[in-house]
């Protein structure tokens, strides 16, 4: 139970950091929406890679099962 709470807070903290970083990058580029879009893309890729690593599929390249990372 405690591990899932820790993971949830880690995920939430990472998401908040990515959104704030996206806003800062957007301000630097003078387009906040572009920064938020970039943050959303990076967040999605980060989520997929973390879940893949948790499932033991990191680096798997098995064409017979349709898995290619």
PDB file of N, CA and C in Angstrom:
ATOM      1  N   UNK A   1       0.825  -1.195   0.000  1.00  0.00           N
ATOM      2  CA  UNK A   1       0.000   0.000   0.000  1.00  0.00           C
ATOM      3  C   UNK A   1       0.868   1.257   0.000  1.00  0.00           C
ATOM      4  N   UNK A   2       1.916   1.252   0.836  1.00  0.00           N
ATOM      5  CA  UNK A   2       2.780   2.430   0.925  1.00  0.00           C
ATOM      6  C   UNK A   2       3.555   2.649  -0.370  1.00  0.00           C
ATOM      7  N   UNK A   3       3.918   1.555  -1.042  1.00  0.00           N
ATOM      8  CA  UNK A   3       4.669   1.692  -2.290  1.00  0.00           C
ATOM      9  C   UNK A   3       3.822   2.354  -3.368  1.00  0.00           C
ATOM     10  N   UNK A   4       2.537   2.020  -3.423  1.00  0.00           N
ATOM     11  CA  UNK A   4       1.690   2.613  -4.446  1.00  0.00           C
ATOM     12  C   UNK A   4       1.468   4.099  -4.175  1.00  0.00           C
ATOM     13  N   UNK A   5       1.377   4.496  -2.890  1.00  0.00           N
ATOM     14  CA  UNK A   5       1.255   5.919  -2.564  1.00  0.00           C
ATOM     15  C   UNK A   5       2.523   6.670  -2.957  1.00  0.00           C
ATOM     16  N   UNK A   6       3.665   6.062  -2.701  1.00  0.00           N
ATOM     17  CA  UNK A   6       4.936   6.688  -3.063  1.00  0.00           C
ATOM     18  C   UNK A   6       5.041   6.834  -4.573  1.00  0.00           C
ATOM     19  N   UNK A   7       4.649   5.800  -5.303  1.00  0.00           N
ATOM     20  CA  UNK A   7       4.690   5.859  -6.765  1.00  0.00           C
ATOM     21  C   UNK A   7       3.733   6.915  -7.294  1.00  0.00           C
ATOM     22  N   UNK A   8       2.568   7.026  -6.669  1.00  0.00           N
ATOM     23  CA  UNK A   8       1.590   8.019  -7.104  1.00  0.00           C
ATOM     24  C   UNK A   8       2.133   9.422  -6.900  1.00  0.00           C
ATOM     25  N   UNK A   9       2.757   9.677  -5.736  1.00  0.00           N
ATOM     26  CA  UNK A   9       3.320  11.008  -5.472  1.00  0.00           C
ATOM     27  C   UNK A   9       4.500  11.300  -6.388  1.00  0.00           C
ATOM     28  N   UNK A  10       5.292  10.277  -6.686  1.00  0.00           N
ATOM     29  CA  UNK A  10       6.412  10.461  -7.612  1.00  0.00           C
ATOM     30  C   UNK A  10       5.894  10.819  -8.996  1.00  0.00           C
ATOM     31  N   UNK A  11       4.864  10.115  -9.453  1.00  0.00           N
ATOM     32  CA  UNK A  11       4.278  10.389 -10.767  1.00  0.00           C
ATOM     33  C   UNK A  11       3.669  11.784 -10.795  1.00  0.00           C
ATOM     34  N   UNK A  12       2.950  12.151  -9.734  1.00  0.00           N
ATOM     35  CA  UNK A  12       2.322  13.469  -9.674  1.00  0.00           C
ATOM     36  C   UNK A  12       3.378  14.567  -9.634  1.00  0.00           C
ATOM     37  N   UNK A  13       4.424  14.365  -8.845  1.00  0.00           N
ATOM     38  CA  UNK A  13       5.512  15.351  -8.784  1.00  0.00           C
ATOM     39  C   UNK A  13       6.210  15.505 -10.122  1.00  0.00           C
ATOM     40  N   UNK A  14       6.454  14.383 -10.807  1.00  0.00           N
ATOM     41  CA  UNK A  14       7.084  14.436 -12.125  1.00  0.00           C
ATOM     42  C   UNK A  14       6.215  15.156 -13.137  1.00  0.00           C
ATOM     43  N   UNK A  15       4.913  14.936 -13.058  1.00  0.00           N
ATOM     44  CA  UNK A  15       3.990  15.603 -13.972  1.00  0.00           C
ATOM     45  C   UNK A  15       3.982  17.108 -13.734  1.00  0.00           C
ATOM     46  N   UNK A  16       3.944  17.514 -12.468  1.00  0.00           N
ATOM     47  CA  UNK A  16       3.952  18.940 -12.137  1.00  0.00           C
ATOM     48  C   UNK A  16       5.248  19.590 -12.612  1.00  0.00           C
ATOM     49  N   UNK A  17       6.372  18.912 -12.402  1.00  0.00           N
ATOM     50  CA  UNK A  17       7.666  19.451 -12.844  1.00  0.00           C
ATOM     51  C   UNK A  17       7.688  19.603 -14.361  1.00  0.00           C
ATOM     52  N   UNK A  18       7.174  18.618 -15.086  1.00  0.00           N
ATOM     53  CA  UNK A  18       7.162  18.702 -16.549  1.00  0.00           C
ATOM     54  C   UNK A  18       6.264  19.828 -17.045  1.00  0.00           C
ATOM     55  N   UNK A  19       5.121  20.038 -16.399  1.00  0.00           N
ATOM     56  CA  UNK A  19       4.221  21.126 -16.813  1.00  0.00           C
ATOM     57  C   UNK A  19       4.877  22.476 -16.552  1.00  0.00           C
ATOM     58  N   UNK A  20       5.483  22.636 -15.382  1.00  0.00           N
ATOM     59  CA  UNK A  20       6.161  23.907 -15.063  1.00  0.00           C
ATOM     60  C   UNK A  20       7.318  24.130 -16.025  1.00  0.00           C
ATOM     61  N   UNK A  21       8.071  23.078 -16.306  1.00  0.00           N
ATOM     62  CA  UNK A  21       9.179  23.192 -17.265  1.00  0.00           C
ATOM     63  C   UNK A  21       8.655  23.562 -18.648  1.00  0.00           C
ATOM     64  N   UNK A  22       7.514  23.000 -19.044  1.00  0.00           N
ATOM     65  CA  UNK A  22       6.909  23.343 -20.326  1.00  0.00           C
ATOM     66  C   UNK A  22       6.495  24.800 -20.386  1.00  0.00           C
ATOM     67  N   UNK A  23       5.951  25.317 -19.280  1.00  0.00           N
ATOM     68  CA  UNK A  23       5.570  26.728 -19.240  1.00  0.00           C
ATOM     69  C   UNK A  23       6.803  27.617 -19.349  1.00  0.00           C
ATOM     70  N   UNK A  24       7.868  27.269 -18.641  1.00  0.00           N
ATOM     71  CA  UNK A  24       9.104  28.068 -18.703  1.00  0.00           C
ATOM     72  C   UNK A  24       9.681  28.046 -20.115  1.00  0.00           C
ATOM     73  N   UNK A  25       9.728  26.863 -20.729  1.00  0.00           N
ATOM     74  CA  UNK A  25      10.240  26.771 -22.104  1.00  0.00           C
ATOM     75  C   UNK A  25       9.334  27.550 -23.051  1.00  0.00           C
ATOM     76  N   UNK A  26       8.026  27.461 -22.806  1.00  0.00           N
ATOM     77  CA  UNK A  26       7.089  28.236 -23.623  1.00  0.00           C
ATOM     78  C   UNK A  26       7.301  29.731 -23.488  1.00  0.00           C
ATOM     79  N   UNK A  27       7.588  30.196 -22.277  1.00  0.00           N
ATOM     80  CA  UNK A  27       7.867  31.614 -22.074  1.00  0.00           C
ATOM     81  C   UNK A  27       9.159  32.027 -22.783  1.00  0.00           C
ATOM     82  N   UNK A  28      10.153  31.147 -22.754  1.00  0.00           N
ATOM     83  CA  UNK A  28      11.407  31.437 -23.454  1.00  0.00           C
ATOM     84  C   UNK A  28      11.159  31.525 -24.957  1.00  0.00           C
ATOM     85  N   UNK A  29      10.326  30.615 -25.473  1.00  0.00           N
ATOM     86  CA  UNK A  29      10.012  30.599 -26.911  1.00  0.00           C
ATOM     87  C   UNK A  29       8.901  31.588 -27.268  1.00  0.00           C
ATOM     88  N   UNK A  30       8.360  32.271 -26.268  1.00  0.00           N
ATOM     89  CA  UNK A  30       7.280  33.238 -26.416  1.00  0.00           C
ATOM     90  C   UNK A  30       6.002  32.599 -26.935  1.00  0.00           C
ATOM     91  N   UNK A  31       5.772  31.343 -26.553  1.00  0.00           N
ATOM     92  CA  UNK A  31       4.549  30.642 -26.918  1.00  0.00           C
ATOM     93  C   UNK A  31       4.284  29.576 -25.850  1.00  0.00           C
ATOM     94  N   UNK A  32       3.453  29.922 -24.860  1.00  0.00           N
ATOM     95  CA  UNK A  32       3.192  29.030 -23.735  1.00  0.00           C
ATOM     96  C   UNK A  32       2.504  27.751 -24.197  1.00  0.00           C
ATOM     97  N   UNK A  33       1.605  27.847 -25.181  1.00  0.00           N
ATOM     98  CA  UNK A  33       0.912  26.653 -25.664  1.00  0.00           C
ATOM     99  C   UNK A  33       1.872  25.646 -26.281  1.00  0.00           C
ATOM    100  N   UNK A  34       2.875  26.139 -26.984  1.00  0.00           N
ATOM    101  CA  UNK A  34       3.881  25.244 -27.557  1.00  0.00           C
ATOM    102  C   UNK A  34       4.662  24.547 -26.438  1.00  0.00           C
ATOM    103  N   UNK A  35       5.002  25.298 -25.402  1.00  0.00           N
ATOM    104  CA  UNK A  35       5.687  24.710 -24.253  1.00  0.00           C
ATOM    105  C   UNK A  35       4.856  23.649 -23.575  1.00  0.00           C
ATOM    106  N   UNK A  36       3.560  23.898 -23.406  1.00  0.00           N
ATOM    107  CA  UNK A  36       2.680  22.900 -22.797  1.00  0.00           C
ATOM    108  C   UNK A  36       2.524  21.665 -23.688  1.00  0.00           C
ATOM    109  N   UNK A  37       2.484  21.876 -24.994  1.00  0.00           N
ATOM    110  CA  UNK A  37       2.407  20.743 -25.919  1.00  0.00           C
ATOM    111  C   UNK A  37       3.676  19.890 -25.828  1.00  0.00           C
ATOM    112  N   UNK A  38       4.824  20.534 -25.799  1.00  0.00           N
ATOM    113  CA  UNK A  38       6.083  19.797 -25.666  1.00  0.00           C
ATOM    114  C   UNK A  38       6.135  19.046 -24.329  1.00  0.00           C
ATOM    115  N   UNK A  39       5.663  19.680 -23.260  1.00  0.00           N
ATOM    116  CA  UNK A  39       5.640  19.029 -21.950  1.00  0.00           C
ATOM    117  C   UNK A  39       4.714  17.817 -21.966  1.00  0.00           C
ATOM    118  N   UNK A  40       3.567  17.923 -22.648  1.00  0.00           N
ATOM    119  CA  UNK A  40       2.636  16.794 -22.733  1.00  0.00           C
ATOM    120  C   UNK A  40       3.249  15.635 -23.506  1.00  0.00           C
ATOM    121  N   UNK A  41       3.952  15.936 -24.580  1.00  0.00           N
ATOM    122  CA  UNK A  41       4.593  14.884 -25.376  1.00  0.00           C
ATOM    123  C   UNK A  41       5.676  14.187 -24.568  1.00  0.00           C
ATOM    124  N   UNK A  42       6.518  14.971 -23.900  1.00  0.00           N
ATOM    125  CA  UNK A  42       7.591  14.391 -23.077  1.00  0.00           C
ATOM    126  C   UNK A  42       6.991  13.579 -21.937  1.00  0.00           C
ATOM    127  N   UNK A  43       5.916  14.072 -21.327  1.00  0.00           N
ATOM    128  CA  UNK A  43       5.264  13.353 -20.243  1.00  0.00           C
ATOM    129  C   UNK A  43       4.710  12.018 -20.712  1.00  0.00           C
ATOM    130  N   UNK A  44       4.119  11.990 -21.889  1.00  0.00           N
ATOM    131  CA  UNK A  44       3.576  10.753 -22.438  1.00  0.00           C
ATOM    132  C   UNK A  44       4.683   9.743 -22.723  1.00  0.00           C
ATOM    133  N   UNK A  45       5.770  10.193 -23.321  1.00  0.00           N
ATOM    134  CA  UNK A  45       6.906   9.305 -23.600  1.00  0.00           C
ATOM    135  C   UNK A  45       7.504   8.793 -22.301  1.00  0.00           C
ATOM    136  N   UNK A  46       7.607   9.678 -21.300  1.00  0.00           N
ATOM    137  CA  UNK A  46       8.150   9.293 -19.994  1.00  0.00           C
ATOM    138  C   UNK A  46       7.254   8.243 -19.343  1.00  0.00           C
ATOM    139  N   UNK A  47       5.937   8.440 -19.388  1.00  0.00           N
ATOM    140  CA  UNK A  47       5.006   7.485 -18.805  1.00  0.00           C
ATOM    141  C   UNK A  47       5.115   6.127 -19.491  1.00  0.00           C
ATOM    142  N   UNK A  48       5.189   6.104 -20.810  1.00  0.00           N
ATOM    143  CA  UNK A  48       5.309   4.839 -21.546  1.00  0.00           C
ATOM    144  C   UNK A  48       6.607   4.129 -21.187  1.00  0.00           C
ATOM    145  N   UNK A  49       7.703   4.873 -21.086  1.00  0.00           N
ATOM    146  CA  UNK A  49       8.987   4.235 -20.770  1.00  0.00           C
ATOM    147  C   UNK A  49       9.018   3.705 -19.346  1.00  0.00           C
ATOM    148  N   UNK A  50       8.427   4.427 -18.403  1.00  0.00           N
ATOM    149  CA  UNK A  50       8.395   3.964 -17.011  1.00  0.00           C
ATOM    150  C   UNK A  50       7.548   2.714 -16.885  1.00  0.00           C
ATOM    151  N   UNK A  51       6.378   2.715 -17.511  1.00  0.00           N
ATOM    152  CA  UNK A  51       5.504   1.542 -17.448  1.00  0.00           C
ATOM    153  C   UNK A  51       6.145   0.345 -18.151  1.00  0.00           C
ATOM    154  N   UNK A  52       6.852   0.603 -19.229  1.00  0.00           N
ATOM    155  CA  UNK A  52       7.536  -0.478 -19.935  1.00  0.00           C
ATOM    156  C   UNK A  52       8.636  -1.074 -19.068  1.00  0.00           C
ATOM    157  N   UNK A  53       9.362  -0.212 -18.376  1.00  0.00           N
ATOM    158  CA  UNK A  53      10.428  -0.680 -17.501  1.00  0.00           C
ATOM    159  C   UNK A  53       9.854  -1.476 -16.334  1.00  0.00           C
ATOM    160  N   UNK A  54       8.713  -1.031 -15.795  1.00  0.00           N
ATOM    161  CA  UNK A  54       8.075  -1.761 -14.694  1.00  0.00           C
ATOM    162  C   UNK A  54       7.605  -3.131 -15.149  1.00  0.00           C
ATOM    163  N   UNK A  55       7.123  -3.231 -16.376  1.00  0.00           N
ATOM    164  CA  UNK A  55       6.619  -4.497 -16.895  1.00  0.00           C
ATOM    165  C   UNK A  55       7.703  -5.423 -17.397  1.00  0.00           C
ATOM    166  N   UNK A  56       8.941  -5.003 -17.374  1.00  0.00           N
ATOM    167  CA  UNK A  56      10.036  -5.846 -17.841  1.00  0.00           C
ATOM    168  C   UNK A  56      10.178  -5.887 -19.343  1.00  0.00           C
ATOM    169  N   UNK A  57       9.619  -4.902 -20.046  1.00  0.00           N
ATOM    170  CA  UNK A  57       9.677  -4.897 -21.501  1.00  0.00           C
ATOM    171  C   UNK A  57      10.697  -3.906 -22.047  1.00  0.00           C
ATOM    172  N   UNK A  58      11.535  -3.369 -21.201  1.00  0.00           N
ATOM    173  CA  UNK A  58      12.499  -2.371 -21.636  1.00  0.00           C
ATOM    174  C   UNK A  58      13.575  -3.012 -22.511  1.00  0.00           C
ATOM    175  N   UNK A  59      13.732  -2.491 -23.711  1.00  0.00           N
ATOM    176  CA  UNK A  59      14.766  -2.990 -24.603  1.00  0.00           C
ATOM    177  C   UNK A  59      14.391  -4.258 -25.338  1.00  0.00           C
ATOM    178  N   UNK A  60      13.156  -4.692 -25.242  1.00  0.00           N
ATOM    179  CA  UNK A  60      12.724  -5.930 -25.892  1.00  0.00           C
ATOM    180  C   UNK A  60      12.559  -5.677 -27.381  1.00  0.00           C
ATOM    181  N   UNK A  61      13.098  -6.558 -28.178  1.00  0.00           N
ATOM    182  CA  UNK A  61      12.943  -6.467 -29.624  1.00  0.00           C
ATOM    183  C   UNK A  61      12.611  -7.862 -30.137  1.00  0.00           C
ATOM    184  N   UNK A  62      11.363  -8.233 -29.996  1.00  0.00           N
ATOM    185  CA  UNK A  62      10.909  -9.553 -30.383  1.00  0.00           C
ATOM    186  C   UNK A  62       9.834  -9.404 -31.443  1.00  0.00           C
ATOM    187  N   UNK A  63      10.218  -9.566 -32.690  1.00  0.00           N
ATOM    188  CA  UNK A  63       9.280  -9.334 -33.799  1.00  0.00           C
ATOM    189  C   UNK A  63       8.163 -10.358 -33.837  1.00  0.00           C
ATOM    190  N   UNK A  64       8.359 -11.537 -33.278  1.00  0.00           N
ATOM    191  CA  UNK A  64       7.300 -12.551 -33.317  1.00  0.00           C
ATOM    192  C   UNK A  64       6.133 -12.188 -32.415  1.00  0.00           C
ATOM    193  N   UNK A  65       6.371 -11.325 -31.416  1.00  0.00           N
ATOM    194  CA  UNK A  65       5.307 -10.897 -30.526  1.00  0.00           C
ATOM    195  C   UNK A  65       4.855  -9.472 -30.838  1.00  0.00           C
ATOM    196  N   UNK A  66       5.421  -8.851 -31.816  1.00  0.00           N
ATOM    197  CA  UNK A  66       5.020  -7.508 -32.193  1.00  0.00           C
ATOM    198  C   UNK A  66       5.535  -6.429 -31.271  1.00  0.00           C
ATOM    199  N   UNK A  67       6.535  -6.751 -30.451  1.00  0.00           N
ATOM    200  CA  UNK A  67       7.081  -5.770 -29.502  1.00  0.00           C
ATOM    201  C   UNK A  67       8.390  -5.236 -30.077  1.00  0.00           C
ATOM    202  N   UNK A  68       8.452  -3.950 -30.307  1.00  0.00           N
ATOM    203  CA  UNK A  68       9.697  -3.321 -30.739  1.00  0.00           C
ATOM    204  C   UNK A  68       9.817  -1.980 -30.048  1.00  0.00           C
ATOM    205  N   UNK A  69      10.810  -1.834 -29.230  1.00  0.00           N
ATOM    206  CA  UNK A  69      11.055  -0.567 -28.545  1.00  0.00           C
ATOM    207  C   UNK A  69      12.389  -0.008 -28.964  1.00  0.00           C
TER     208      UNK A  69
END
